[in-house]
């Protein structure tokens, strides 16, 4: 009888842990969805800048990015930092985004090196 009581207690604990995990799943899924959305926006921004550098037509408008119809990431702020490197025409570019999902605030960034063909002698 004592063994049955211990087995029931262990099963109860296992069920409580499983329920906690099931309750947490929607928040985890939402956070992962927002992370993927922000990565796509950061990549789009990098590609927009690269395309502008190689076409050099008019002013670049970084605010014209493809935004999802129902964005998961809230309070999204993006900024770009460019650092000239000693090699002529080569720059290190970092695009960073800060966003929130639920109660959490997250920051994600992508980094690349770009070459500006107009800067060559």
N, C-alpha and C. Protein backbone atom coordinates (compact mmCIF):
# COMPACT_ATOMS: atom_id res chain seq x y z
N UNK A 1 0.81 -1.19 0.00
CA UNK A 1 0.00 0.00 0.00
C UNK A 1 0.87 1.28 0.00
N UNK A 2 1.96 1.23 0.69
CA UNK A 2 2.88 2.36 0.73
C UNK A 2 3.50 2.59 -0.66
N UNK A 3 3.78 1.49 -1.35
CA UNK A 3 4.34 1.61 -2.71
C UNK A 3 3.35 2.28 -3.66
N UNK A 4 2.09 1.93 -3.52
CA UNK A 4 1.06 2.54 -4.36
C UNK A 4 0.94 4.03 -4.07
N UNK A 5 1.06 4.41 -2.80
CA UNK A 5 0.98 5.82 -2.42
C UNK A 5 2.16 6.61 -3.01
N UNK A 6 3.36 6.02 -2.95
CA UNK A 6 4.55 6.68 -3.53
C UNK A 6 4.39 6.80 -5.04
N UNK A 7 3.88 5.76 -5.70
CA UNK A 7 3.68 5.79 -7.14
C UNK A 7 2.67 6.87 -7.53
N UNK A 8 1.58 6.99 -6.76
CA UNK A 8 0.59 8.04 -7.03
C UNK A 8 1.18 9.43 -6.84
N UNK A 9 2.01 9.60 -5.82
CA UNK A 9 2.64 10.90 -5.57
C UNK A 9 3.57 11.26 -6.74
N UNK A 10 4.35 10.29 -7.20
CA UNK A 10 5.25 10.54 -8.33
C UNK A 10 4.47 10.87 -9.61
N UNK A 11 3.37 10.16 -9.83
CA UNK A 11 2.55 10.45 -11.01
C UNK A 11 1.93 11.84 -10.91
N UNK A 12 1.52 12.24 -9.71
CA UNK A 12 0.95 13.57 -9.52
C UNK A 12 1.96 14.67 -9.81
N UNK A 13 3.19 14.46 -9.33
CA UNK A 13 4.25 15.45 -9.59
C UNK A 13 4.55 15.52 -11.08
N UNK A 14 4.61 14.37 -11.74
CA UNK A 14 4.87 14.35 -13.18
C UNK A 14 3.75 15.06 -13.94
N UNK A 15 2.51 14.86 -13.53
CA UNK A 15 1.38 15.53 -14.19
C UNK A 15 1.43 17.04 -13.98
N UNK A 16 1.81 17.49 -12.78
CA UNK A 16 1.92 18.93 -12.53
C UNK A 16 3.01 19.56 -13.39
N UNK A 17 4.14 18.89 -13.51
CA UNK A 17 5.22 19.41 -14.35
C UNK A 17 4.80 19.46 -15.81
N UNK A 18 4.09 18.45 -16.26
CA UNK A 18 3.61 18.41 -17.64
C UNK A 18 2.62 19.54 -17.90
N UNK A 19 1.73 19.79 -16.96
CA UNK A 19 0.76 20.88 -17.12
C UNK A 19 1.45 22.24 -17.17
N UNK A 20 2.49 22.43 -16.35
CA UNK A 20 3.23 23.69 -16.37
C UNK A 20 3.88 23.90 -17.74
N UNK A 21 4.42 22.83 -18.30
CA UNK A 21 5.05 22.93 -19.61
C UNK A 21 4.02 23.22 -20.70
N UNK A 22 2.88 22.60 -20.63
CA UNK A 22 1.82 22.83 -21.61
C UNK A 22 1.30 24.27 -21.52
N UNK A 23 1.21 24.81 -20.32
CA UNK A 23 0.76 26.19 -20.16
C UNK A 23 1.78 27.20 -20.69
N UNK A 24 3.05 26.84 -20.65
CA UNK A 24 4.12 27.73 -21.09
C UNK A 24 4.30 27.70 -22.61
N UNK A 25 3.84 26.66 -23.27
CA UNK A 25 4.07 26.47 -24.70
C UNK A 25 3.60 27.64 -25.58
N UNK A 26 2.39 28.20 -25.39
CA UNK A 26 1.99 29.32 -26.26
C UNK A 26 2.92 30.53 -26.16
N UNK A 27 3.42 30.81 -24.96
CA UNK A 27 4.35 31.94 -24.81
C UNK A 27 5.67 31.67 -25.51
N UNK A 28 6.15 30.44 -25.41
CA UNK A 28 7.40 30.08 -26.08
C UNK A 28 7.22 30.16 -27.60
N UNK A 29 6.10 29.66 -28.09
CA UNK A 29 5.83 29.70 -29.52
C UNK A 29 5.73 31.14 -30.02
N UNK A 30 5.07 32.00 -29.27
CA UNK A 30 4.94 33.41 -29.65
C UNK A 30 6.30 34.10 -29.69
N UNK A 31 7.15 33.79 -28.71
CA UNK A 31 8.48 34.39 -28.67
C UNK A 31 9.33 33.93 -29.85
N UNK A 32 9.25 32.64 -30.19
CA UNK A 32 9.99 32.13 -31.34
C UNK A 32 9.48 32.72 -32.66
N UNK A 33 8.18 32.89 -32.75
CA UNK A 33 7.59 33.50 -33.95
C UNK A 33 8.07 34.95 -34.11
N UNK A 34 8.10 35.69 -33.01
CA UNK A 34 8.58 37.08 -33.05
C UNK A 34 10.05 37.14 -33.42
N UNK A 35 10.84 36.21 -32.90
CA UNK A 35 12.27 36.17 -33.20
C UNK A 35 12.49 35.95 -34.70
N UNK A 36 11.76 35.01 -35.30
CA UNK A 36 11.87 34.76 -36.74
C UNK A 36 11.44 35.97 -37.56
N UNK A 37 10.36 36.63 -37.12
CA UNK A 37 9.86 37.82 -37.80
C UNK A 37 10.90 38.93 -37.78
N UNK A 38 11.54 39.15 -36.64
CA UNK A 38 12.55 40.21 -36.52
C UNK A 38 13.78 39.88 -37.35
N UNK A 39 14.19 38.62 -37.37
CA UNK A 39 15.34 38.22 -38.20
C UNK A 39 15.05 38.52 -39.66
N UNK A 40 13.84 38.20 -40.14
CA UNK A 40 13.48 38.48 -41.53
C UNK A 40 13.53 39.98 -41.82
N UNK A 41 13.06 40.81 -40.88
CA UNK A 41 13.09 42.26 -41.08
C UNK A 41 14.53 42.79 -41.08
N UNK A 42 15.38 42.25 -40.22
CA UNK A 42 16.78 42.66 -40.21
C UNK A 42 17.47 42.28 -41.53
N UNK A 43 17.19 41.08 -42.02
CA UNK A 43 17.76 40.66 -43.30
C UNK A 43 17.27 41.55 -44.44
N UNK A 44 15.99 41.91 -44.41
CA UNK A 44 15.44 42.78 -45.45
C UNK A 44 16.11 44.14 -45.42
N UNK A 45 16.37 44.64 -44.23
CA UNK A 45 17.04 45.94 -44.11
C UNK A 45 18.46 45.87 -44.65
N UNK A 46 19.19 44.81 -44.32
CA UNK A 46 20.54 44.65 -44.86
C UNK A 46 20.54 44.57 -46.38
N UNK A 47 19.62 43.81 -46.92
CA UNK A 47 19.54 43.67 -48.38
C UNK A 47 19.14 44.98 -49.05
N UNK A 48 18.28 45.74 -48.42
CA UNK A 48 17.89 47.03 -48.96
C UNK A 48 19.09 47.97 -49.03
N UNK A 49 19.90 47.97 -48.00
CA UNK A 49 21.10 48.81 -47.99
C UNK A 49 22.09 48.34 -49.04
N UNK A 50 22.29 47.02 -49.13
CA UNK A 50 23.21 46.49 -50.16
C UNK A 50 22.73 46.85 -51.56
N UNK A 51 21.45 46.70 -51.81
CA UNK A 51 20.89 47.02 -53.14
C UNK A 51 21.10 48.50 -53.45
N UNK A 52 20.91 49.36 -52.47
CA UNK A 52 21.10 50.79 -52.69
C UNK A 52 22.55 51.09 -53.02
N UNK A 53 23.48 50.44 -52.32
CA UNK A 53 24.90 50.70 -52.56
C UNK A 53 25.30 50.34 -53.98
N UNK A 54 24.71 49.30 -54.53
CA UNK A 54 25.11 48.87 -55.87
C UNK A 54 24.33 49.57 -56.98
N UNK A 55 23.18 50.16 -56.67
CA UNK A 55 22.46 50.89 -57.70
C UNK A 55 22.69 52.38 -57.58
N UNK A 56 22.86 52.87 -56.34
CA UNK A 56 23.09 54.30 -56.06
C UNK A 56 22.08 55.19 -56.74
N UNK A 57 20.81 54.82 -56.71
CA UNK A 57 19.76 55.63 -57.31
C UNK A 57 18.93 56.30 -56.23
N UNK A 58 19.03 57.61 -56.11
CA UNK A 58 18.19 58.36 -55.17
C UNK A 58 18.52 58.07 -53.72
N UNK A 59 17.61 58.53 -52.86
CA UNK A 59 17.77 58.37 -51.42
C UNK A 59 17.24 57.02 -50.98
N UNK A 60 17.91 56.42 -50.04
CA UNK A 60 17.47 55.14 -49.49
C UNK A 60 16.44 55.41 -48.38
N UNK A 61 15.33 54.71 -48.42
CA UNK A 61 14.28 54.85 -47.41
C UNK A 61 14.21 53.56 -46.62
N UNK A 62 14.84 53.54 -45.44
CA UNK A 62 14.91 52.32 -44.65
C UNK A 62 13.59 51.99 -43.97
N UNK A 63 12.63 52.88 -44.02
CA UNK A 63 11.36 52.62 -43.36
C UNK A 63 10.41 51.82 -44.26
N UNK A 64 10.77 51.61 -45.52
CA UNK A 64 9.90 50.86 -46.43
C UNK A 64 10.30 49.39 -46.42
N UNK A 65 10.12 48.76 -45.29
CA UNK A 65 10.44 47.35 -45.16
C UNK A 65 9.16 46.53 -45.20
N UNK A 66 9.23 45.30 -45.67
CA UNK A 66 8.04 44.45 -45.65
C UNK A 66 7.66 44.11 -44.21
N UNK A 67 6.51 44.57 -43.76
CA UNK A 67 6.06 44.33 -42.40
C UNK A 67 4.92 43.31 -42.45
N UNK A 68 4.94 42.32 -41.57
CA UNK A 68 3.87 41.32 -41.57
C UNK A 68 2.51 41.96 -41.28
N UNK A 69 1.45 41.35 -41.79
CA UNK A 69 0.10 41.88 -41.58
C UNK A 69 -0.27 41.92 -40.11
N UNK A 70 0.04 40.85 -39.40
CA UNK A 70 -0.23 40.79 -37.96
C UNK A 70 1.09 40.53 -37.24
N UNK A 71 1.85 41.60 -36.97
CA UNK A 71 3.17 41.40 -36.35
C UNK A 71 3.05 40.84 -34.93
N UNK A 72 3.97 39.94 -34.61
CA UNK A 72 4.01 39.35 -33.28
C UNK A 72 4.89 40.20 -32.37
N UNK A 73 5.99 40.73 -32.91
CA UNK A 73 6.89 41.57 -32.14
C UNK A 73 6.24 42.93 -31.93
N UNK A 74 6.24 43.39 -30.69
CA UNK A 74 5.64 44.68 -30.36
C UNK A 74 6.76 45.69 -30.08
N UNK A 75 6.44 46.97 -30.24
CA UNK A 75 7.38 48.06 -29.94
C UNK A 75 8.73 47.86 -30.64
N UNK A 76 8.69 47.52 -31.91
CA UNK A 76 9.90 47.23 -32.67
C UNK A 76 10.63 48.52 -33.02
N UNK A 77 11.89 48.59 -32.64
CA UNK A 77 12.77 49.70 -32.99
C UNK A 77 14.00 49.11 -33.66
N UNK A 78 14.38 49.67 -34.81
CA UNK A 78 15.55 49.17 -35.54
C UNK A 78 16.51 50.32 -35.79
N UNK A 79 17.81 50.02 -35.74
CA UNK A 79 18.81 51.02 -36.09
C UNK A 79 20.01 50.35 -36.74
N UNK A 80 20.74 51.15 -37.49
CA UNK A 80 21.89 50.66 -38.26
C UNK A 80 23.13 51.42 -37.85
N UNK A 81 24.22 50.70 -37.64
CA UNK A 81 25.51 51.30 -37.33
C UNK A 81 26.51 50.87 -38.40
N UNK A 82 27.25 51.83 -38.93
CA UNK A 82 28.24 51.53 -39.96
C UNK A 82 29.59 52.02 -39.47
N UNK A 83 30.57 51.13 -39.53
CA UNK A 83 31.92 51.46 -39.09
C UNK A 83 32.88 51.25 -40.26
N UNK A 84 33.55 52.32 -40.67
CA UNK A 84 34.51 52.20 -41.77
C UNK A 84 35.72 51.40 -41.31
N UNK A 85 36.17 50.49 -42.15
CA UNK A 85 37.34 49.67 -41.84
C UNK A 85 38.56 50.24 -42.55
N UNK A 86 39.77 49.89 -42.12
CA UNK A 86 40.97 50.43 -42.75
C UNK A 86 41.08 50.12 -44.24
N UNK A 87 40.53 48.98 -44.67
CA UNK A 87 40.56 48.65 -46.08
C UNK A 87 39.66 49.61 -46.83
N UNK A 88 40.12 50.17 -47.92
CA UNK A 88 39.38 51.18 -48.66
C UNK A 88 38.08 50.61 -49.23
N UNK A 89 36.97 51.28 -48.91
CA UNK A 89 35.67 50.89 -49.44
C UNK A 89 34.96 49.82 -48.63
N UNK A 90 35.60 49.27 -47.60
CA UNK A 90 35.00 48.20 -46.82
C UNK A 90 34.48 48.75 -45.49
N UNK A 91 33.28 48.38 -45.14
CA UNK A 91 32.67 48.83 -43.88
C UNK A 91 32.01 47.66 -43.17
N UNK A 92 31.97 47.75 -41.86
CA UNK A 92 31.27 46.76 -41.04
C UNK A 92 29.93 47.37 -40.66
N UNK A 93 28.85 46.67 -41.00
CA UNK A 93 27.51 47.19 -40.74
C UNK A 93 26.80 46.26 -39.76
N UNK A 94 26.20 46.86 -38.75
CA UNK A 94 25.42 46.12 -37.77
C UNK A 94 24.02 46.69 -37.75
N UNK A 95 23.03 45.83 -37.94
CA UNK A 95 21.63 46.22 -37.87
C UNK A 95 21.05 45.56 -36.62
N UNK A 96 20.47 46.38 -35.75
CA UNK A 96 19.97 45.90 -34.47
C UNK A 96 18.49 46.21 -34.33
N UNK A 97 17.77 45.31 -33.68
CA UNK A 97 16.35 45.51 -33.41
C UNK A 97 16.09 45.22 -31.94
N UNK A 98 15.28 46.06 -31.33
CA UNK A 98 14.81 45.83 -29.95
C UNK A 98 13.30 45.72 -30.03
N UNK A 99 12.75 44.70 -29.41
CA UNK A 99 11.31 44.46 -29.48
C UNK A 99 10.85 43.79 -28.20
N UNK A 100 9.55 43.75 -28.03
CA UNK A 100 9.00 43.08 -26.85
C UNK A 100 7.96 42.06 -27.27
N UNK A 101 7.87 41.02 -26.49
CA UNK A 101 6.86 39.98 -26.66
C UNK A 101 6.35 39.67 -25.26
N UNK A 102 5.08 39.96 -25.03
CA UNK A 102 4.55 39.77 -23.69
C UNK A 102 5.25 40.70 -22.72
N UNK A 103 5.81 40.14 -21.67
CA UNK A 103 6.51 40.96 -20.66
C UNK A 103 8.00 41.09 -20.93
N UNK A 104 8.53 40.33 -21.87
CA UNK A 104 9.97 40.32 -22.12
C UNK A 104 10.39 41.30 -23.19
N UNK A 105 11.57 41.90 -23.00
CA UNK A 105 12.18 42.78 -23.99
C UNK A 105 13.41 42.07 -24.54
N UNK A 106 13.51 42.01 -25.87
CA UNK A 106 14.58 41.26 -26.52
C UNK A 106 15.32 42.17 -27.49
N UNK A 107 16.58 41.81 -27.76
CA UNK A 107 17.38 42.55 -28.72
C UNK A 107 18.08 41.53 -29.61
N UNK A 108 18.04 41.79 -30.90
CA UNK A 108 18.64 40.90 -31.88
C UNK A 108 19.42 41.74 -32.88
N UNK A 109 20.58 41.28 -33.31
CA UNK A 109 21.32 42.04 -34.31
C UNK A 109 21.98 41.12 -35.32
N UNK A 110 22.18 41.67 -36.51
CA UNK A 110 22.90 40.99 -37.59
C UNK A 110 24.07 41.87 -37.98
N UNK A 111 25.16 41.23 -38.32
CA UNK A 111 26.36 41.97 -38.67
C UNK A 111 26.90 41.46 -40.00
N UNK A 112 27.37 42.37 -40.83
CA UNK A 112 27.94 41.99 -42.11
C UNK A 112 29.00 43.01 -42.51
N UNK A 113 29.71 42.69 -43.54
CA UNK A 113 30.66 43.64 -44.11
C UNK A 113 30.16 44.00 -45.50
N UNK A 114 30.24 45.28 -45.81
CA UNK A 114 29.78 45.75 -47.11
C UNK A 114 30.91 46.49 -47.82
N UNK A 115 30.84 46.48 -49.12
CA UNK A 115 31.82 47.17 -49.94
C UNK A 115 31.07 48.18 -50.80
N UNK A 116 31.52 49.40 -50.77
CA UNK A 116 30.91 50.47 -51.56
C UNK A 116 31.76 50.68 -52.82
N UNK A 117 31.26 50.30 -53.97
CA UNK A 117 32.08 50.41 -55.20
C UNK A 117 32.39 51.85 -55.56
N UNK A 118 31.60 52.82 -55.10
CA UNK A 118 31.86 54.23 -55.42
C UNK A 118 33.05 54.80 -54.67
N UNK A 119 33.52 54.10 -53.64
CA UNK A 119 34.60 54.66 -52.83
C UNK A 119 35.98 54.33 -53.40
N UNK A 120 36.06 53.50 -54.41
CA UNK A 120 37.36 53.14 -55.01
C UNK A 120 37.92 54.33 -55.79
N UNK A 121 39.24 54.47 -55.80
CA UNK A 121 39.86 55.60 -56.52
C UNK A 121 39.71 55.50 -58.03
